[in-house]
Amino acid sequence: MNRLPEPNPPAPQAQVPQRVPRKEKGARGKRWNGVFTLPSEGGVASGAVAPGLPAGVGSLPAQLRSLRPALLLLATALLLFSPALHAAPVNRPSGGGPGGGGPPVGCLAPAFALPDLSGRPLALDGLRGRPVVLNFWAFWCDTWKAELPSLRVLAEQQDEMGFRLVAVSVDGTRLAEFERLTGGRVPFPVLLDAGGAVSRRYQIRHVPTLVVLDGAGRVRFVASGYPGNAVVLRELRKIGG
């Protein structure tokens, strides 16, 4: 019986030492728009063992790279649904109601009667039949000084457009500076809500807050922070149209 020849043993292959790539600048990751990016391909190579680290640690970046889609999705979800990132600023116009302060749009505005700077009472019901712009402000907050020039210009259009502008001081205090700067003379009534009862009924949370009513006394527009005369006039034209 002939014997099959023994196969030639394979030639020994030279052992090529594994080269550990150098860590490139930025391989530790970076933060961009609140998302932490994982180490790039320039970090420790997959399967390579970094000097001074135990076996198996060098493959960690590869494991993290396999999780990159899930981690990015999680980070995006946190950014989109984080309340802190989407909190509305105080001076952003709102739709009224509990979220932004002021009465809900579409409701009947609460009736009230308050004294003006001279002590004469003014009732909201007496203004029925025409739109009313209520501007809630406070003299302890310097925003009234920035508003006043715009309100003076707006008041000049009352007769032409058939509306009435009324300012309400949310607590009726600190009148000395207002009277010193204006002489107590402005082209619209300034009412004093001493104790803040009316402001609470109107759910005022920020000053200034502007409320536009139609001729039937229903709330048609609310803004936390003065939105500017162009916006106010636009809302009044909607009522008139």
C-alpha atoms as a PDB file:
ATOM      1  CA  MET A   1       0.000   0.000   0.000  1.00  0.00           C
ATOM      2  CA  ASN A   2       1.417   3.265  -1.037  1.00  0.00           C
ATOM      3  CA  ARG A   3       1.536   5.938   1.548  1.00  0.00           C
ATOM      4  CA  LEU A   4       0.211   9.402   0.776  1.00  0.00           C
ATOM      5  CA  PRO A   5       2.921  11.973   0.915  1.00  0.00           C
ATOM      6  CA  GLU A   6       2.928  14.210   3.934  1.00  0.00           C
ATOM      7  CA  PRO A   7       1.795  17.736   3.068  1.00  0.00           C
ATOM      8  CA  ASN A   8       4.468  20.339   3.196  1.00  0.00           C
ATOM      9  CA  PRO A   9       4.214  22.339   6.397  1.00  0.00           C
ATOM     10  CA  PRO A  10       3.315  25.984   5.785  1.00  0.00           C
ATOM     11  CA  ALA A  11       6.147  28.399   5.750  1.00  0.00           C
ATOM     12  CA  PRO A  12       6.320  30.384   8.933  1.00  0.00           C
ATOM     13  CA  GLN A  13       4.967  33.882   8.517  1.00  0.00           C
ATOM     14  CA  ALA A  14       6.845  36.807   9.833  1.00  0.00           C
ATOM     15  CA  GLN A  15       5.115  38.356  12.801  1.00  0.00           C
ATOM     16  CA  VAL A  16       4.283  41.929  11.956  1.00  0.00           C
ATOM     17  CA  PRO A  17       4.248  43.959  15.119  1.00  0.00           C
ATOM     18  CA  GLN A  18       0.912  45.725  15.616  1.00  0.00           C
ATOM     19  CA  ARG A  19       1.268  49.436  15.349  1.00  0.00           C
ATOM     20  CA  VAL A  20      -0.806  51.554  17.652  1.00  0.00           C
ATOM     21  CA  PRO A  21      -1.934  54.694  15.849  1.00  0.00           C
ATOM     22  CA  ARG A  22      -1.149  57.931  17.564  1.00  0.00           C
ATOM     23  CA  LYS A  23      -4.026  59.757  19.137  1.00  0.00           C
ATOM     24  CA  GLU A  24      -4.939  62.672  16.926  1.00  0.00           C
ATOM     25  CA  LYS A  25      -5.974  66.043  18.187  1.00  0.00           C
ATOM     26  CA  GLY A  26      -9.592  66.021  19.221  1.00  0.00           C
ATOM     27  CA  ALA A  27      -9.744  62.234  19.685  1.00  0.00           C
ATOM     28  CA  ARG A  28     -11.235  62.685  23.144  1.00  0.00           C
ATOM     29  CA  GLY A  29     -14.427  64.008  21.625  1.00  0.00           C
ATOM     30  CA  LYS A  30     -15.970  67.433  21.586  1.00  0.00           C
ATOM     31  CA  ARG A  31     -19.215  69.085  22.507  1.00  0.00           C
ATOM     32  CA  TRP A  32     -21.255  70.696  19.740  1.00  0.00           C
ATOM     33  CA  ASN A  33     -24.700  72.192  20.267  1.00  0.00           C
ATOM     34  CA  GLY A  34     -25.098  70.254  23.474  1.00  0.00           C
ATOM     35  CA  VAL A  35     -24.273  66.842  21.910  1.00  0.00           C
ATOM     36  CA  PHE A  36     -21.101  65.031  22.910  1.00  0.00           C
ATOM     37  CA  THR A  37     -19.439  63.415  19.874  1.00  0.00           C
ATOM     38  CA  LEU A  38     -17.734  60.079  20.362  1.00  0.00           C
ATOM     39  CA  PRO A  39     -13.999  59.584  19.625  1.00  0.00           C
ATOM     40  CA  SER A  40     -13.226  59.534  15.908  1.00  0.00           C
ATOM     41  CA  GLU A  41     -11.330  56.942  13.894  1.00  0.00           C
ATOM     42  CA  GLY A  42      -8.108  58.766  14.762  1.00  0.00           C
ATOM     43  CA  GLY A  43      -8.323  57.542  18.363  1.00  0.00           C
ATOM     44  CA  VAL A  44      -7.107  54.172  19.622  1.00  0.00           C
ATOM     45  CA  ALA A  45      -7.655  51.648  16.820  1.00  0.00           C
ATOM     46  CA  SER A  46     -10.240  48.927  17.133  1.00  0.00           C
ATOM     47  CA  GLY A  47      -8.590  45.834  18.582  1.00  0.00           C
ATOM     48  CA  ALA A  48      -5.376  47.652  19.500  1.00  0.00           C
ATOM     49  CA  VAL A  49      -4.269  47.879  23.075  1.00  0.00           C
ATOM     50  CA  ALA A  50      -3.150  51.290  24.174  1.00  0.00           C
ATOM     51  CA  PRO A  51       0.074  51.406  26.139  1.00  0.00           C
ATOM     52  CA  GLY A  52      -0.472  51.149  29.864  1.00  0.00           C
ATOM     53  CA  LEU A  53      -4.074  49.850  29.526  1.00  0.00           C
ATOM     54  CA  PRO A  54      -5.228  46.307  30.266  1.00  0.00           C
ATOM     55  CA  ALA A  55      -6.236  43.997  27.430  1.00  0.00           C
ATOM     56  CA  GLY A  56      -9.705  44.653  26.059  1.00  0.00           C
ATOM     57  CA  VAL A  57      -9.764  48.344  26.922  1.00  0.00           C
ATOM     58  CA  GLY A  58      -8.400  49.366  23.552  1.00  0.00           C
ATOM     59  CA  SER A  59     -11.531  48.048  21.820  1.00  0.00           C
ATOM     60  CA  LEU A  60     -13.842  50.286  23.867  1.00  0.00           C
ATOM     61  CA  PRO A  61     -14.046  53.104  21.271  1.00  0.00           C
ATOM     62  CA  ALA A  62     -15.229  50.582  18.672  1.00  0.00           C
ATOM     63  CA  GLN A  63     -17.942  49.431  21.048  1.00  0.00           C
ATOM     64  CA  LEU A  64     -19.003  53.018  21.619  1.00  0.00           C
ATOM     65  CA  ARG A  65     -19.029  53.686  17.881  1.00  0.00           C
ATOM     66  CA  SER A  66     -21.496  50.852  17.468  1.00  0.00           C
ATOM     67  CA  LEU A  67     -23.768  52.673  19.941  1.00  0.00           C
ATOM     68  CA  ARG A  68     -23.359  56.071  18.272  1.00  0.00           C
ATOM     69  CA  PRO A  69     -26.784  56.113  16.482  1.00  0.00           C
ATOM     70  CA  ALA A  70     -28.651  55.266  19.678  1.00  0.00           C
ATOM     71  CA  LEU A  71     -26.701  57.822  21.728  1.00  0.00           C
ATOM     72  CA  LEU A  72     -27.248  60.577  19.176  1.00  0.00           C
ATOM     73  CA  LEU A  73     -30.958  59.767  19.052  1.00  0.00           C
ATOM     74  CA  LEU A  74     -31.151  59.950  22.842  1.00  0.00           C
ATOM     75  CA  ALA A  75     -29.270  63.269  22.937  1.00  0.00           C
ATOM     76  CA  THR A  76     -31.537  64.741  20.256  1.00  0.00           C
ATOM     77  CA  ALA A  77     -34.633  63.678  22.173  1.00  0.00           C
ATOM     78  CA  LEU A  78     -33.307  65.313  25.347  1.00  0.00           C
ATOM     79  CA  LEU A  79     -32.638  68.566  23.475  1.00  0.00           C
ATOM     80  CA  LEU A  80     -36.067  68.605  21.851  1.00  0.00           C
ATOM     81  CA  PHE A  81     -38.089  67.843  24.959  1.00  0.00           C
ATOM     82  CA  SER A  82     -36.096  69.669  27.627  1.00  0.00           C
ATOM     83  CA  PRO A  83     -38.397  72.331  29.205  1.00  0.00           C
ATOM     84  CA  ALA A  84     -35.438  74.592  29.969  1.00  0.00           C
ATOM     85  CA  LEU A  85     -34.522  74.906  26.298  1.00  0.00           C
ATOM     86  CA  HIS A  86     -38.047  75.710  25.218  1.00  0.00           C
ATOM     87  CA  ALA A  87     -39.155  77.970  27.995  1.00  0.00           C
ATOM     88  CA  ALA A  88     -40.839  80.981  26.569  1.00  0.00           C
ATOM     89  CA  PRO A  89     -39.154  84.323  27.358  1.00  0.00           C
ATOM     90  CA  VAL A  90     -41.028  86.838  29.475  1.00  0.00           C
ATOM     91  CA  ASN A  91     -41.294  89.343  26.637  1.00  0.00           C
ATOM     92  CA  ARG A  92     -42.627  86.937  24.028  1.00  0.00           C
ATOM     93  CA  PRO A  93     -46.240  87.476  22.874  1.00  0.00           C
ATOM     94  CA  SER A  94     -48.514  84.700  24.174  1.00  0.00           C
ATOM     95  CA  GLY A  95     -52.007  83.477  23.481  1.00  0.00           C
ATOM     96  CA  GLY A  96     -53.256  84.334  26.950  1.00  0.00           C
ATOM     97  CA  GLY A  97     -54.262  81.978  29.722  1.00  0.00           C
ATOM     98  CA  PRO A  98     -52.258  80.190  32.410  1.00  0.00           C
ATOM     99  CA  GLY A  99     -49.131  79.551  30.275  1.00  0.00           C
ATOM    100  CA  GLY A 100     -48.126  83.111  29.514  1.00  0.00           C
ATOM    101  CA  GLY A 101     -50.339  85.047  31.911  1.00  0.00           C
ATOM    102  CA  GLY A 102     -53.327  87.214  31.120  1.00  0.00           C
ATOM    103  CA  PRO A 103     -56.911  86.090  30.528  1.00  0.00           C
ATOM    104  CA  PRO A 104     -57.600  83.378  27.927  1.00  0.00           C
ATOM    105  CA  VAL A 105     -58.315  84.671  24.443  1.00  0.00           C
ATOM    106  CA  GLY A 106     -62.042  84.473  23.681  1.00  0.00           C
ATOM    107  CA  CYS A 107     -63.268  84.874  27.247  1.00  0.00           C
ATOM    108  CA  LEU A 108     -65.337  87.786  28.492  1.00  0.00           C
ATOM    109  CA  ALA A 109     -63.018  90.243  30.220  1.00  0.00           C
ATOM    110  CA  PRO A 110     -63.712  90.689  33.938  1.00  0.00           C
ATOM    111  CA  ALA A 111     -65.551  93.928  34.688  1.00  0.00           C
ATOM    112  CA  PHE A 112     -63.894  96.443  36.989  1.00  0.00           C
ATOM    113  CA  ALA A 113     -63.961 100.055  38.144  1.00  0.00           C
ATOM    114  CA  LEU A 114     -60.757 101.736  39.347  1.00  0.00           C
ATOM    115  CA  PRO A 115     -59.747 105.304  40.221  1.00  0.00           C
ATOM    116  CA  ASP A 116     -57.443 107.281  37.956  1.00  0.00           C
ATOM    117  CA  LEU A 117     -54.591 109.531  39.099  1.00  0.00           C
ATOM    118  CA  SER A 118     -57.078 112.199  40.123  1.00  0.00           C
ATOM    119  CA  GLY A 119     -59.265 109.770  42.045  1.00  0.00           C
ATOM    120  CA  ARG A 120     -62.057 109.697  39.441  1.00  0.00           C
ATOM    121  CA  PRO A 121     -63.446 106.164  38.935  1.00  0.00           C
ATOM    122  CA  LEU A 122     -63.452 104.612  35.470  1.00  0.00           C
ATOM    123  CA  ALA A 123     -65.545 101.515  34.760  1.00  0.00           C
ATOM    124  CA  LEU A 124     -64.712  99.098  31.954  1.00  0.00           C
ATOM    125  CA  ASP A 125     -68.410  98.686  31.184  1.00  0.00           C
ATOM    126  CA  GLY A 126     -68.529 102.388  30.300  1.00  0.00           C
ATOM    127  CA  LEU A 127     -66.218 101.676  27.342  1.00  0.00           C
ATOM    128  CA  ARG A 128     -68.392  98.964  25.786  1.00  0.00           C
ATOM    129  CA  GLY A 129     -69.089  99.321  22.086  1.00  0.00           C
ATOM    130  CA  ARG A 130     -65.498 100.068  21.082  1.00  0.00           C
ATOM    131  CA  PRO A 131     -62.237  98.109  21.311  1.00  0.00           C
ATOM    132  CA  VAL A 132     -60.144  98.679  24.426  1.00  0.00           C
ATOM    133  CA  VAL A 133     -56.393  98.284  24.834  1.00  0.00           C
ATOM    134  CA  LEU A 134     -55.498  97.541  28.464  1.00  0.00           C
ATOM    135  CA  ASN A 135     -51.843  97.969  29.372  1.00  0.00           C
ATOM    136  CA  PHE A 136     -50.930  96.544  32.782  1.00  0.00           C
ATOM    137  CA  TRP A 137     -47.676  98.001  34.073  1.00  0.00           C
ATOM    138  CA  ALA A 138     -45.926  98.912  37.338  1.00  0.00           C
ATOM    139  CA  PHE A 139     -43.983 102.025  38.303  1.00  0.00           C
ATOM    140  CA  TRP A 140     -41.485  99.967  40.311  1.00  0.00           C
ATOM    141  CA  CYS A 141     -40.468  98.342  37.001  1.00  0.00           C
ATOM    142  CA  ASP A 142     -38.565 100.658  34.645  1.00  0.00           C
ATOM    143  CA  THR A 143     -40.152  99.065  31.574  1.00  0.00           C
ATOM    144  CA  TRP A 144     -42.917 101.653  31.786  1.00  0.00           C
ATOM    145  CA  LYS A 145     -40.373 104.314  30.797  1.00  0.00           C
ATOM    146  CA  ALA A 146     -39.507 102.386  27.633  1.00  0.00           C
ATOM    147  CA  GLU A 147     -43.186 101.834  26.835  1.00  0.00           C
ATOM    148  CA  LEU A 148     -44.380 105.380  27.358  1.00  0.00           C
ATOM    149  CA  PRO A 149     -43.195 106.901  24.037  1.00  0.00           C
ATOM    150  CA  SER A 150     -44.923 104.106  22.085  1.00  0.00           C
ATOM    151  CA  LEU A 151     -48.108 104.472  24.123  1.00  0.00           C
ATOM    152  CA  ARG A 152     -48.161 108.223  23.483  1.00  0.00           C
ATOM    153  CA  VAL A 153     -47.988 107.578  19.724  1.00  0.00           C
ATOM    154  CA  LEU A 154     -50.624 104.852  19.944  1.00  0.00           C
ATOM    155  CA  ALA A 155     -52.969 107.140  21.861  1.00  0.00           C
ATOM    156  CA  GLU A 156     -52.905 109.630  18.976  1.00  0.00           C
ATOM    157  CA  GLN A 157     -54.779 107.103  16.826  1.00  0.00           C
ATOM    158  CA  GLN A 158     -57.633 106.478  19.266  1.00  0.00           C
ATOM    159  CA  ASP A 159     -60.159 108.736  17.596  1.00  0.00           C
ATOM    160  CA  GLU A 160     -59.234 107.708  14.065  1.00  0.00           C
ATOM    161  CA  MET A 161     -59.522 103.984  14.758  1.00  0.00           C
ATOM    162  CA  GLY A 162     -62.230 104.185  17.408  1.00  0.00           C
ATOM    163  CA  PHE A 163     -60.521 102.418  20.314  1.00  0.00           C
ATOM    164  CA  ARG A 164     -59.601 103.425  23.839  1.00  0.00           C
ATOM    165  CA  LEU A 165     -56.210 102.999  25.528  1.00  0.00           C
ATOM    166  CA  VAL A 166     -56.190 102.475  29.310  1.00  0.00           C
ATOM    167  CA  ALA A 167     -53.162 101.820  31.530  1.00  0.00           C
ATOM    168  CA  VAL A 168     -53.478  99.995  34.833  1.00  0.00           C
ATOM    169  CA  SER A 169     -50.848 100.205  37.586  1.00  0.00           C
ATOM    170  CA  VAL A 170     -50.886  96.704  39.049  1.00  0.00           C
ATOM    171  CA  ASP A 171     -50.439  97.877  42.641  1.00  0.00           C
ATOM    172  CA  GLY A 172     -51.072 101.616  42.491  1.00  0.00           C
ATOM    173  CA  THR A 173     -47.811 102.496  44.213  1.00  0.00           C
ATOM    174  CA  ARG A 174     -44.644 104.539  43.567  1.00  0.00           C
ATOM    175  CA  LEU A 175     -46.374 107.337  41.692  1.00  0.00           C
ATOM    176  CA  ALA A 176     -43.816 110.020  42.602  1.00  0.00           C
ATOM    177  CA  GLU A 177     -41.385 109.211  39.794  1.00  0.00           C
ATOM    178  CA  PHE A 178     -44.191 108.828  37.243  1.00  0.00           C
ATOM    179  CA  GLU A 179     -45.611 112.215  38.153  1.00  0.00           C
ATOM    180  CA  ARG A 180     -42.155 113.779  38.181  1.00  0.00           C
ATOM    181  CA  LEU A 181     -41.316 112.549  34.681  1.00  0.00           C
ATOM    182  CA  THR A 182     -44.736 113.119  33.120  1.00  0.00           C
ATOM    183  CA  GLY A 183     -46.278 115.819  35.287  1.00  0.00           C
ATOM    184  CA  GLY A 184     -49.173 113.387  35.626  1.00  0.00           C
ATOM    185  CA  ARG A 185     -50.223 114.254  32.066  1.00  0.00           C
ATOM    186  CA  VAL A 186     -50.490 111.450  29.546  1.00  0.00           C
ATOM    187  CA  PRO A 187     -53.022 111.144  26.674  1.00  0.00           C
ATOM    188  CA  PHE A 188     -54.798 108.144  28.238  1.00  0.00           C
ATOM    189  CA  PRO A 189     -56.184 107.299  31.678  1.00  0.00           C
ATOM    190  CA  VAL A 190     -53.873 105.635  34.205  1.00  0.00           C
ATOM    191  CA  LEU A 191     -55.825 103.577  36.729  1.00  0.00           C
ATOM    192  CA  LEU A 192     -54.563 102.497  40.149  1.00  0.00           C
ATOM    193  CA  ASP A 193     -55.163  98.872  41.123  1.00  0.00           C
ATOM    194  CA  ALA A 194     -54.302  99.296  44.814  1.00  0.00           C
ATOM    195  CA  GLY A 195     -54.057  95.840  46.323  1.00  0.00           C
ATOM    196  CA  GLY A 196     -53.891  94.202  42.869  1.00  0.00           C
ATOM    197  CA  ALA A 197     -57.403  92.677  42.919  1.00  0.00           C
ATOM    198  CA  VAL A 198     -58.096  93.469  39.243  1.00  0.00           C
ATOM    199  CA  SER A 199     -54.660  92.312  38.145  1.00  0.00           C
ATOM    200  CA  ARG A 200     -55.252  88.976  39.843  1.00  0.00           C
ATOM    201  CA  ARG A 201     -58.592  88.568  38.107  1.00  0.00           C
ATOM    202  CA  TYR A 202     -56.845  89.207  34.803  1.00  0.00           C
ATOM    203  CA  GLN A 203     -54.157  86.636  35.729  1.00  0.00           C
ATOM    204  CA  ILE A 204     -51.341  89.153  35.236  1.00  0.00           C
ATOM    205  CA  ARG A 205     -48.009  87.438  35.893  1.00  0.00           C
ATOM    206  CA  HIS A 206     -45.611  89.810  34.149  1.00  0.00           C
ATOM    207  CA  VAL A 207     -45.413  93.541  33.620  1.00  0.00           C
ATOM    208  CA  PRO A 208     -46.043  94.869  31.165  1.00  0.00           C
ATOM    209  CA  THR A 209     -48.914  92.731  29.892  1.00  0.00           C
ATOM    210  CA  LEU A 210     -51.162  94.017  27.133  1.00  0.00           C
ATOM    211  CA  VAL A 211     -54.772  92.873  26.620  1.00  0.00           C
ATOM    212  CA  VAL A 212     -56.905  93.855  23.609  1.00  0.00           C
ATOM    213  CA  LEU A 213     -60.696  93.651  23.972  1.00  0.00           C
ATOM    214  CA  ASP A 214     -63.299  93.916  21.242  1.00  0.00           C
ATOM    215  CA  GLY A 215     -66.417  96.075  21.481  1.00  0.00           C
ATOM    216  CA  ALA A 216     -68.328  93.269  23.209  1.00  0.00           C
ATOM    217  CA  GLY A 217     -65.715  93.062  25.952  1.00  0.00           C
ATOM    218  CA  ARG A 218     -64.153  89.777  24.831  1.00  0.00           C
ATOM    219  CA  VAL A 219     -60.414  89.174  24.953  1.00  0.00           C
ATOM    220  CA  ARG A 220     -58.990  89.112  21.437  1.00  0.00           C
ATOM    221  CA  PHE A 221     -55.229  89.335  22.018  1.00  0.00           C
ATOM    222  CA  VAL A 222     -52.774  89.037  24.933  1.00  0.00           C
ATOM    223  CA  ALA A 223     -49.029  89.726  25.030  1.00  0.00           C
ATOM    224  CA  SER A 224     -46.552  89.483  27.897  1.00  0.00           C
ATOM    225  CA  GLY A 225     -44.250  92.414  27.239  1.00  0.00           C
ATOM    226  CA  TYR A 226     -45.210  95.303  25.001  1.00  0.00           C
ATOM    227  CA  PRO A 227     -45.366  93.867  21.442  1.00  0.00           C
ATOM    228  CA  GLY A 228     -45.024  97.215  19.648  1.00  0.00           C
ATOM    229  CA  ASN A 229     -47.548  99.559  18.063  1.00  0.00           C
ATOM    230  CA  ALA A 230     -47.539  97.727  14.720  1.00  0.00           C
ATOM    231  CA  VAL A 231     -48.769  94.529  16.385  1.00  0.00           C
ATOM    232  CA  VAL A 232     -51.387  96.350  18.462  1.00  0.00           C
ATOM    233  CA  LEU A 233     -52.749  98.190  15.426  1.00  0.00           C
ATOM    234  CA  ARG A 234     -52.812  94.951  13.434  1.00  0.00           C
ATOM    235  CA  GLU A 235     -54.967  93.315  16.111  1.00  0.00           C
ATOM    236  CA  LEU A 236     -57.275  96.323  16.249  1.00  0.00           C
ATOM    237  CA  ARG A 237     -57.721  96.189  12.464  1.00  0.00           C
ATOM    238  CA  LYS A 238     -58.689  92.525  12.754  1.00  0.00           C
ATOM    239  CA  ILE A 239     -61.448  93.518  15.146  1.00  0.00           C
ATOM    240  CA  GLY A 240     -62.600  96.347  12.939  1.00  0.00           C
ATOM    241  CA  GLY A 241     -62.511  94.159   9.809  1.00  0.00           C
END
